[in-house]
Every structure is written in structure tokens, then in C-alpha cells.
Amino acid sequence: MHTRLSKQVEECSTQIEERIYQRLRNINTETHQDNQEVLQLLFSLQDDLLLQQYSRQIAITDLKEKVILLLLSKPELSPTEPFHFLLQQLYHHPSNTNTEILWIPIPTSQKWTEEEKQTVNFSSNSLPCISVKRPWLMSPTVLNFLRTEWPYRDSETMVAVMDTNGKVVNMNAMDMVLIWGGKAYPFTASREDELWEEDHTLSLQLMLDGIHPEFNTWVKEGREICLLGSDDSNWVDEINSLALKLQNLGFEFELIDLSKRTVDSMEESSIQELFWIRLESIKRSKLKRIESSKRDRVFEEVTELLEFDSGEHKGWAVVGNGSTAEKEKIVGEKLTERMRRIVRWGEHAAGMSFAEAIRIAEEEEPCEESHTVVVPFEEGLRVVTCEKCKRPMKKFVAYQ
């Protein structure tokens, strides 16, 4: 009798789990008034599974009429994890008033280890987002569904977007958030298309906004920025030395080393890692929507940086102003040569912008013909350039 009852209970449990799985698969085909039914289904309760924000308990009803970003990741999060950058991007944006981030940690195997449980308990009490209080009590059917039906891969963070009606409108908005942060709200595919309509080029703004802590300040001040990348530490050291000489001559620009190599501080390491993560996100986002018959400038530029061969060209640099889309990309020795020329010009280049000087220094040689131009004293205080080669001319004071 006991054996027969046990078998019946097991069969009943299996049928219930199968129904739950099927209902989960039908989330987007059914109509819901709000997100409550779907959230209740997703977090099929065993014992007393609750949500929390820091140490405060959160009810599922508190998420009603909210756009929910379901953040799936491994239990342990390193300091440079894109997860943390994602939270920073979203919690400092006005759209956050109607958005909630819900962290769902996924164990690396079918069973939770004690170490994973301790890690989740610690993180849940320190992260600003809502999290599942005891995720190891989640239904195995739900976890199986997330692993099988959603594009979650072990150790990779993903973000599924659920609208106020409980419909999953974007199965993975991770790249959108890493590129644009809260500006990507409401994180739909159509919004991604709109954002790419606005961003036609791989601007400094697109590459650095939200990643470098000083970037927005430099943009407001109108400062020029030079991004640098190389595997050749000697070349990077030489560029840094030349940059210092130019800055001492009065050129105002910021040099940001984004080389994929060991750096001294955690902040520098984070900036470098997030920069390359964003470039990868830009490439993936573009790959989903470019047409084979059309050229895509952003895709070409980001691919060129990601696949750059430092062995052939030593390194690369991008010079521009963060407030505009205009920029110039220079490779290896060409940058070194131009910076050396500007240093030789010395005070004759005073008053030029760094980007302007870099462009003018592109020419191999100055004019062969020597000629004199007489200008009023006030005009001579500014940089006077040759009409033919556009290089700064040497200044002499003539008394009449």
C-alpha cells in the first residue's frame, strides 16, 4: 500500500511540474492584466521563498506596474563583473522610477553548495537591487526552464525584460544596458533600433560614457581626449612621455590608456575591462541588425579595434572631443612621428588644439619654399599657419 501511494504521489508531482513548465513556456502567448500572475508562477513557492532588497523583505505585489529586469547570473560576483557596472548604469538614471532589477542567482550545478549559499546571502545584503532571498528553494522546474528555454549560459550574466503586463519583451537586454545604461529604457528591440538611429559613428561618447568617472566632466569643459591601446609597453611609455611634453607646451588633452595589460590600480583595471566589454556588446548588437548588402560604419570601426594587430602597428590611438562625433584614428609609428613633430614646433604651435596639431602634423615634410608673411601684432599672438602645408610658422617681431 505504501509503495503504491508513494508512486501515485510521485506521478502527481511529475504532472504538476510538467504543467508548471508548460505554463512558463506560454508566458508570452497568454494575456495578463499585470505581471503578478507571471511572477508568482516564476517564483513557484516552496516553504517561504521571499524577495529582499538589502535586509528589507519585498513582496511580489510591490513589483506591480513595474518594468522588471530579471538579472540572471552565477552566485559569486567578482569586483569587475559587468553585473556591478550594469547596476551602476541603471540606478543613476531617471527611468529607474518605473524599473526594478530582480537578481536571480543560478547555481553552477543542479545542487547549491554551502559556499554558493553564503556568497548569495552576503551579496543580497549589499546589492541595491531586489534579489531572491533563498534562491535554493526555487522550484527545480523553474530553474530547468531558465536554463533550457532562456539564453542563459553558466557563468554568463543575462537580462530578460518583463513589461508591466508580465510579457517578456526582450529575452536578453544585457548588451543594451552595457552600451546605453538607463537611456535604453524600456529596453525593447525597437528602442535598440532607435538608439542606433541616433548613434551613427563610434564616438567617444558611445565608447566611454558611464565607464570613465571623469568623462562627463571633460566633455563639459570641452577637453580633448586621446584613447590609447597597445600590447607594446615601450610604445605606450614613449607616447606617455611625448604627451607630457606636449601638455607642458600648453596642449590640453587627457590621455586614457586602454591597453589590455596589467595596470596598477583597480579603477584603471575596471575602466579597461568595461571598455572592451562595451565594444564587444556594440559588435554583438550591430551583428543582429546589419544588412549584408549595406556597410555599417560603427560595426566596421568597432571590429577594427577589437581585431587590431599590435604586433604589426605597435598600437592605436583615437583623438577627439567627447561632445562631438568627430575623431581621428591613428596607428603605431604614425602617432609617434606626429607627436615628435609637434614637440619640435614648440611654442610656435601654442594656441592650437591637440586634434588640430595632430591633423596638420600628418604631412611628411613642410613646404620646400621659404616665405614670409607680415601680420599685425595682435594677429601674430595667435598661431599663424602656412597657406600651403598648414604648419605653424616661426614668429619674428619686426619694428617699423
Protein backbone atom coordinates (compact mmCIF):
# COMPACT_ATOMS: atom_id res chain seq x y z
CA MET A 1 0.00 0.00 0.00
CA HIS A 2 2.76 2.44 0.99
CA THR A 3 4.69 1.73 -2.21
CA ARG A 4 1.60 2.31 -4.35
CA LEU A 5 0.79 5.61 -2.62
CA SER A 6 4.37 6.79 -2.99
CA LYS A 7 4.25 6.02 -6.68
CA GLN A 8 0.97 7.91 -7.08
CA VAL A 9 2.37 10.93 -5.22
CA GLU A 10 5.46 10.88 -7.43
CA GLU A 11 3.35 10.69 -10.59
CA CYS A 12 1.15 13.55 -9.35
CA SER A 13 4.22 15.69 -8.59
CA THR A 14 5.61 14.99 -12.04
CA GLN A 15 2.35 16.05 -13.67
CA ILE A 16 2.27 19.27 -11.63
CA GLU A 17 5.86 20.10 -12.62
CA GLU A 18 5.08 19.41 -16.27
CA ARG A 19 2.09 21.77 -16.11
CA ILE A 20 4.21 24.47 -14.48
CA TYR A 21 6.84 24.06 -17.21
CA GLN A 22 4.21 24.32 -19.95
CA ARG A 23 2.67 27.41 -18.36
CA LEU A 24 6.11 29.01 -18.23
CA ARG A 25 6.54 28.31 -21.94
CA ASN A 26 3.20 30.04 -22.61
CA ILE A 27 4.07 33.26 -20.73
CA ASN A 28 4.21 35.35 -23.90
CA THR A 29 1.24 33.75 -25.66
CA GLU A 30 -1.25 34.41 -22.87
CA THR A 31 -2.78 37.78 -22.00
CA HIS A 32 -2.28 39.13 -18.47
CA GLN A 33 -3.66 42.22 -16.75
CA ASP A 34 -0.40 42.78 -14.89
CA ASN A 35 2.84 41.00 -14.03
CA GLN A 36 1.64 39.37 -10.81
CA GLU A 37 0.48 36.01 -12.17
CA VAL A 38 3.69 35.54 -14.14
CA LEU A 39 5.91 36.48 -11.19
CA GLN A 40 4.00 34.13 -8.90
CA LEU A 41 4.48 31.36 -11.45
CA LEU A 42 8.15 32.15 -11.98
CA PHE A 43 8.78 32.05 -8.24
CA SER A 44 6.66 28.98 -7.51
CA LEU A 45 6.99 28.99 -3.76
CA GLN A 46 8.46 26.19 -1.74
CA ASP A 47 8.41 26.80 2.02
CA ASP A 48 8.62 30.58 2.39
CA LEU A 49 10.53 31.96 -0.56
CA LEU A 50 10.66 35.77 -0.37
CA LEU A 51 12.29 38.65 -2.19
CA GLN A 52 14.51 41.17 -0.47
CA GLN A 53 16.28 44.49 -1.01
CA TYR A 54 19.25 44.76 1.31
CA SER A 55 17.74 43.29 4.52
CA ARG A 56 14.20 44.54 3.76
CA GLN A 57 11.66 41.95 2.66
CA ILE A 58 9.85 42.67 -0.61
CA ALA A 59 6.50 41.22 -1.65
CA ILE A 60 5.77 40.29 -5.24
CA THR A 61 2.85 42.74 -5.09
CA ASP A 62 5.41 45.55 -4.64
CA LEU A 63 6.53 44.87 -8.22
CA LYS A 64 3.10 45.53 -9.72
CA GLU A 65 3.07 48.09 -12.58
CA LYS A 66 6.87 47.93 -12.81
CA VAL A 67 9.13 47.06 -15.72
CA ILE A 68 11.20 44.19 -14.31
CA LEU A 69 14.76 43.45 -15.38
CA LEU A 70 15.34 39.80 -14.49
CA LEU A 71 19.07 39.58 -13.92
CA LEU A 72 20.38 36.01 -14.10
CA SER A 73 23.97 35.26 -13.11
CA LYS A 74 26.22 32.88 -11.23
CA PRO A 75 26.11 33.22 -7.40
CA GLU A 76 29.60 34.68 -6.99
CA LEU A 77 30.33 38.09 -8.44
CA SER A 78 33.85 39.47 -8.91
CA PRO A 79 34.50 43.22 -8.31
CA THR A 80 34.93 43.84 -12.06
CA GLU A 81 31.86 41.78 -13.03
CA PRO A 82 29.68 43.53 -15.69
CA PHE A 83 26.87 42.86 -13.21
CA HIS A 84 28.07 45.73 -10.97
CA PHE A 85 28.52 48.11 -13.90
CA LEU A 86 25.00 47.25 -15.03
CA LEU A 87 23.58 48.19 -11.62
CA GLN A 88 25.56 51.44 -11.62
CA GLN A 89 24.28 52.32 -15.10
CA LEU A 90 20.64 51.74 -14.17
CA TYR A 91 20.39 53.09 -10.64
CA HIS A 92 21.72 56.52 -11.64
CA HIS A 93 19.16 57.16 -14.38
CA PRO A 94 15.72 58.89 -14.20
CA SER A 95 13.97 55.91 -15.84
CA ASN A 96 14.70 53.86 -12.72
CA THR A 97 11.49 55.16 -11.06
CA ASN A 98 9.42 52.70 -13.09
CA THR A 99 12.04 49.94 -13.26
CA GLU A 100 13.10 47.29 -10.78
CA ILE A 101 16.05 44.95 -11.10
CA LEU A 102 15.46 41.46 -9.73
CA TRP A 103 18.56 39.31 -9.27
CA ILE A 104 18.09 35.56 -9.74
CA PRO A 105 21.35 33.74 -8.93
CA ILE A 106 21.67 30.40 -10.74
CA PRO A 107 23.83 27.63 -9.21
CA THR A 108 26.67 26.27 -11.32
CA SER A 109 25.33 22.72 -10.89
CA GLN A 110 21.94 21.19 -10.10
CA LYS A 111 22.55 21.48 -6.35
CA TRP A 112 23.58 24.52 -4.36
CA THR A 113 26.84 24.33 -2.42
CA GLU A 114 27.21 25.87 1.03
CA GLU A 115 29.79 28.28 -0.36
CA GLU A 116 27.32 29.48 -3.02
CA LYS A 117 24.62 29.98 -0.38
CA GLN A 118 26.96 32.07 1.79
CA THR A 119 28.02 34.15 -1.22
CA VAL A 120 24.40 34.88 -2.16
CA ASN A 121 23.50 35.81 1.43
CA PHE A 122 26.38 38.28 1.55
CA SER A 123 25.65 39.81 -1.87
CA SER A 124 21.90 40.08 -1.26
CA ASN A 125 22.53 42.25 1.79
CA SER A 126 24.92 44.58 -0.04
CA LEU A 127 23.44 45.00 -3.53
CA PRO A 128 20.93 47.81 -4.26
CA CYS A 129 18.72 45.58 -6.42
CA ILE A 130 15.95 43.24 -5.31
CA SER A 131 17.05 39.63 -5.04
CA VAL A 132 15.60 36.21 -4.28
CA LYS A 133 16.13 35.71 -0.57
CA ARG A 134 16.67 31.95 -0.65
CA PRO A 135 17.09 31.01 -4.32
CA TRP A 136 17.95 27.40 -3.42
CA LEU A 137 14.24 26.99 -2.55
CA MET A 138 13.14 27.86 -6.08
CA SER A 139 11.36 25.12 -7.98
CA PRO A 140 13.78 22.87 -9.91
CA THR A 141 11.29 23.10 -12.78
CA VAL A 142 11.69 26.88 -12.95
CA LEU A 143 15.49 26.61 -12.88
CA ASN A 144 15.37 23.97 -15.59
CA PHE A 145 13.12 26.25 -17.65
CA LEU A 146 15.51 29.20 -17.29
CA ARG A 147 18.47 27.06 -18.32
CA THR A 148 16.69 25.37 -21.21
CA GLU A 149 14.27 27.90 -22.70
CA TRP A 150 16.07 31.17 -21.95
CA PRO A 151 19.51 32.09 -23.40
CA TYR A 152 21.21 31.70 -20.01
CA ARG A 153 24.64 30.11 -20.09
CA ASP A 154 26.56 29.15 -16.97
CA SER A 155 28.83 31.95 -15.70
CA GLU A 156 27.35 34.47 -18.17
CA THR A 157 25.10 37.28 -16.95
CA MET A 158 21.87 37.92 -18.87
CA VAL A 159 19.00 40.38 -18.50
CA ALA A 160 15.44 39.45 -19.50
CA VAL A 161 12.96 42.34 -19.63
CA MET A 162 9.38 41.86 -18.42
CA ASP A 163 6.87 44.65 -19.08
CA THR A 164 4.10 45.75 -16.72
CA ASN A 165 1.76 43.10 -18.19
CA GLY A 166 4.13 40.23 -17.49
CA LYS A 167 5.27 39.81 -21.09
CA VAL A 168 8.97 39.17 -21.75
CA VAL A 169 9.68 41.88 -24.35
CA ASN A 170 13.42 41.27 -24.60
CA MET A 171 14.99 37.91 -23.84
CA ASN A 172 18.42 39.45 -23.27
CA ALA A 173 18.94 43.20 -22.97
CA MET A 174 22.43 42.85 -21.49
CA ASP A 175 24.17 44.48 -24.45
CA MET A 176 21.69 47.38 -24.49
CA VAL A 177 22.32 48.13 -20.82
CA LEU A 178 26.11 47.83 -21.16
CA ILE A 179 26.09 50.26 -24.10
CA TRP A 180 23.49 52.87 -23.10
CA GLY A 181 22.53 52.19 -19.47
CA GLY A 182 19.20 53.66 -18.37
CA LYS A 183 18.92 55.56 -21.65
CA ALA A 184 17.86 52.23 -23.19
CA TYR A 185 14.55 52.21 -21.24
CA PRO A 186 12.14 50.42 -21.80
CA PHE A 187 14.81 48.03 -23.15
CA THR A 188 12.84 46.69 -26.11
CA ALA A 189 14.24 45.71 -29.52
CA SER A 190 12.50 48.72 -31.10
CA ARG A 191 14.22 51.01 -28.58
CA GLU A 192 17.57 49.47 -29.55
CA ASP A 193 16.84 50.33 -33.19
CA GLU A 194 16.01 53.92 -32.19
CA LEU A 195 19.28 54.29 -30.30
CA TRP A 196 21.30 53.08 -33.29
CA GLU A 197 19.49 55.63 -35.44
CA GLU A 198 20.95 58.27 -33.09
CA ASP A 199 24.47 56.80 -32.92
CA HIS A 200 25.83 56.71 -36.47
CA THR A 201 29.52 56.58 -35.54
CA LEU A 202 31.70 55.02 -32.87
CA SER A 203 32.02 58.28 -30.94
CA LEU A 204 33.99 58.80 -27.73
CA GLN A 205 30.63 59.32 -26.02
CA LEU A 206 29.44 55.89 -27.14
CA MET A 207 32.68 54.21 -26.06
CA LEU A 208 33.30 55.94 -22.71
CA ASP A 209 30.09 57.40 -21.26
CA GLY A 210 29.45 55.86 -17.84
CA ILE A 211 32.75 53.95 -17.90
CA HIS A 212 35.33 56.64 -17.10
CA PRO A 213 34.42 58.66 -13.96
CA GLU A 214 35.85 61.92 -15.36
CA PHE A 215 34.46 61.65 -18.90
CA ASN A 216 31.34 63.82 -18.45
CA THR A 217 33.39 66.49 -16.64
CA TRP A 218 35.86 66.61 -19.53
CA VAL A 219 33.01 66.87 -22.04
CA LYS A 220 31.51 69.84 -20.15
CA GLU A 221 34.93 71.52 -20.05
CA GLY A 222 35.43 70.89 -23.79
CA ARG A 223 38.66 69.00 -23.20
CA GLU A 224 40.13 66.82 -25.91
CA ILE A 225 40.68 63.13 -25.25
CA CYS A 226 43.19 60.67 -26.65
CA LEU A 227 42.41 56.96 -26.24
CA LEU A 228 45.38 54.63 -26.45
CA GLY A 229 45.68 50.86 -26.86
CA SER A 230 48.69 48.57 -27.34
CA ASP A 231 50.39 45.38 -26.20
CA ASP A 232 53.77 47.12 -26.56
CA SER A 233 54.59 48.71 -23.18
CA ASN A 234 57.65 50.53 -24.61
CA TRP A 235 55.49 52.24 -27.23
CA VAL A 236 52.91 53.22 -24.59
CA ASP A 237 55.68 54.64 -22.38
CA GLU A 238 57.02 56.71 -25.30
CA ILE A 239 53.53 58.08 -26.07
CA ASN A 240 53.06 58.97 -22.39
CA SER A 241 56.41 60.78 -22.39
CA LEU A 242 55.56 62.73 -25.57
CA ALA A 243 52.09 63.55 -24.21
CA LEU A 244 53.65 65.04 -21.08
CA LYS A 245 55.97 67.23 -23.18
CA LEU A 246 53.00 68.47 -25.24
CA GLN A 247 50.98 69.19 -22.11
CA ASN A 248 53.93 71.20 -20.76
CA LEU A 249 53.85 73.20 -24.01
CA GLY A 250 50.24 74.13 -23.26
CA PHE A 251 48.25 71.46 -25.10
CA GLU A 252 45.22 70.50 -23.03
CA PHE A 253 44.10 66.91 -23.55
CA GLU A 254 43.55 63.77 -21.50
CA LEU A 255 45.35 60.53 -22.32
CA ILE A 256 43.49 57.31 -21.44
CA ASP A 257 45.45 54.06 -21.70
CA LEU A 258 43.06 51.21 -22.57
CA SER A 259 45.71 48.59 -23.29
CA LYS A 260 44.86 45.00 -22.40
CA ARG A 261 47.64 44.59 -19.86
CA THR A 262 48.27 44.67 -16.12
CA VAL A 263 47.75 48.07 -14.51
CA ASP A 264 48.48 49.45 -11.07
CA SER A 265 45.03 50.36 -9.74
CA MET A 266 41.67 48.59 -9.52
CA GLU A 267 39.97 51.65 -11.06
CA GLU A 268 42.21 51.54 -14.15
CA SER A 269 41.62 47.80 -14.49
CA SER A 270 37.86 48.30 -14.25
CA ILE A 271 37.88 51.07 -16.89
CA GLN A 272 39.90 48.94 -19.30
CA GLU A 273 37.80 45.81 -18.80
CA LEU A 274 34.47 47.62 -19.14
CA PHE A 275 35.69 49.47 -22.23
CA TRP A 276 36.43 46.21 -24.05
CA ILE A 277 33.22 44.60 -22.75
CA ARG A 278 31.25 47.53 -24.17
CA LEU A 279 33.00 47.21 -27.55
CA GLU A 280 32.04 43.52 -27.64
CA SER A 281 28.44 44.47 -26.78
CA ILE A 282 28.40 47.07 -29.57
CA LYS A 283 29.62 44.46 -32.05
CA ARG A 284 27.00 41.88 -30.96
CA SER A 285 24.21 44.45 -31.05
CA LYS A 286 25.21 45.55 -34.54
CA LEU A 287 25.56 41.98 -35.82
CA LYS A 288 21.88 41.38 -35.03
CA ARG A 289 20.66 44.16 -37.28
CA ILE A 290 23.14 44.97 -40.06
CA GLU A 291 22.20 44.01 -43.61
CA SER A 292 24.80 42.14 -45.65
CA SER A 293 24.28 44.47 -48.60
CA LYS A 294 24.97 47.63 -46.60
CA ARG A 295 28.10 48.95 -44.94
CA ASP A 296 27.82 49.77 -41.26
CA ARG A 297 30.35 52.32 -40.08
CA VAL A 298 30.03 51.56 -36.36
CA PHE A 299 30.41 47.81 -36.92
CA GLU A 300 33.50 48.32 -39.10
CA GLU A 301 35.15 50.67 -36.59
CA VAL A 302 34.48 48.52 -33.53
CA THR A 303 35.64 45.36 -35.34
CA GLU A 304 38.85 47.14 -36.33
CA LEU A 305 39.61 47.99 -32.69
CA LEU A 306 38.71 44.53 -31.39
CA GLU A 307 40.83 42.78 -34.02
CA PHE A 308 43.71 45.26 -34.02
CA ASP A 309 47.13 43.64 -34.51
CA SER A 310 49.55 45.38 -32.14
CA GLY A 311 52.40 43.28 -33.47
CA GLU A 312 52.12 44.91 -36.88
CA HIS A 313 51.35 48.50 -35.89
CA LYS A 314 52.52 48.69 -32.23
CA GLY A 315 49.30 50.36 -31.12
CA TRP A 316 46.37 52.64 -31.92
CA ALA A 317 45.01 55.97 -30.76
CA VAL A 318 41.70 57.79 -31.18
CA VAL A 319 41.77 61.57 -30.75
CA GLY A 320 38.65 63.68 -30.44
CA ASN A 321 36.29 65.74 -28.34
CA GLY A 322 33.69 63.90 -26.26
CA SER A 323 30.94 66.37 -27.12
CA THR A 324 31.10 65.69 -30.89
CA ALA A 325 31.18 62.64 -33.13
CA GLU A 326 34.35 63.85 -34.89
CA LYS A 327 37.52 61.91 -34.15
CA GLU A 328 40.69 60.68 -35.81
CA LYS A 329 42.20 57.20 -35.53
CA ILE A 330 45.98 56.90 -35.84
CA VAL A 331 48.11 53.76 -35.67
CA GLY A 332 51.55 52.98 -34.30
CA GLU A 333 54.57 54.92 -35.50
CA LYS A 334 52.39 57.46 -37.31
CA LEU A 335 51.20 58.76 -33.93
CA THR A 336 54.74 58.78 -32.55
CA GLU A 337 56.05 60.72 -35.57
CA ARG A 338 53.28 63.32 -35.42
CA MET A 339 53.73 63.93 -31.71
CA ARG A 340 57.51 64.33 -32.17
CA ARG A 341 56.91 66.92 -34.91
CA ILE A 342 54.57 68.90 -32.67
CA VAL A 343 57.18 68.84 -29.88
CA ARG A 344 59.75 70.24 -32.36
CA TRP A 345 57.36 73.05 -33.29
CA GLY A 346 57.49 74.09 -29.65
CA GLU A 347 55.98 77.45 -28.79
CA HIS A 348 55.16 78.13 -32.46
CA ALA A 349 52.22 75.72 -32.07
CA ALA A 350 50.95 77.44 -28.91
CA GLY A 351 47.22 78.07 -29.13
CA MET A 352 46.49 75.09 -31.37
CA SER A 353 44.22 72.32 -30.17
CA PHE A 354 45.79 68.88 -29.86
CA ALA A 355 43.50 67.41 -32.54
CA GLU A 356 44.29 70.28 -34.92
CA ALA A 357 48.04 69.86 -34.40
CA ILE A 358 47.80 66.09 -34.93
CA ARG A 359 45.98 66.63 -38.24
CA ILE A 360 48.48 69.23 -39.50
CA ALA A 361 51.46 67.07 -38.45
CA GLU A 362 50.28 64.32 -40.79
CA GLU A 363 52.24 65.78 -43.71
CA GLU A 364 55.70 64.27 -44.11
CA GLU A 365 57.60 67.49 -44.80
CA PRO A 366 56.90 71.23 -44.62
CA CYS A 367 56.97 73.44 -47.72
CA GLU A 368 60.28 73.49 -49.57
CA GLU A 369 59.80 77.17 -50.35
CA SER A 370 60.58 79.62 -47.58
CA HIS A 371 58.36 82.67 -47.47
CA THR A 372 57.43 85.46 -45.10
CA VAL A 373 54.01 86.70 -44.08
CA VAL A 374 53.61 90.04 -42.33
CA VAL A 375 50.67 90.21 -39.93
CA PRO A 376 49.59 92.75 -37.28
CA PHE A 377 51.00 92.20 -33.79
CA GLU A 378 47.62 91.13 -32.32
CA GLU A 379 47.10 88.53 -35.05
CA GLY A 380 50.62 87.26 -34.55
CA LEU A 381 49.80 86.40 -30.94
CA ARG A 382 47.74 83.52 -32.30
CA VAL A 383 49.06 80.56 -34.31
CA VAL A 384 49.83 81.57 -37.89
CA THR A 385 49.88 78.64 -40.32
CA CYS A 386 51.39 78.30 -43.77
CA GLU A 387 48.76 78.51 -46.52
CA LYS A 388 50.35 75.58 -48.39
CA CYS A 389 51.36 72.99 -45.77
CA LYS A 390 49.18 74.32 -42.90
CA ARG A 391 52.05 74.03 -40.43
CA PRO A 392 52.69 76.70 -37.78
CA MET A 393 55.15 79.35 -38.93
CA LYS A 394 58.07 80.64 -36.90
CA LYS A 395 57.47 84.09 -35.45
CA PHE A 396 59.76 87.12 -35.50
CA VAL A 397 59.00 90.62 -34.34
CA ALA A 398 59.73 93.38 -36.86
CA TYR A 399 59.93 97.04 -35.79
CA GLN A 400 58.99 99.74 -38.26
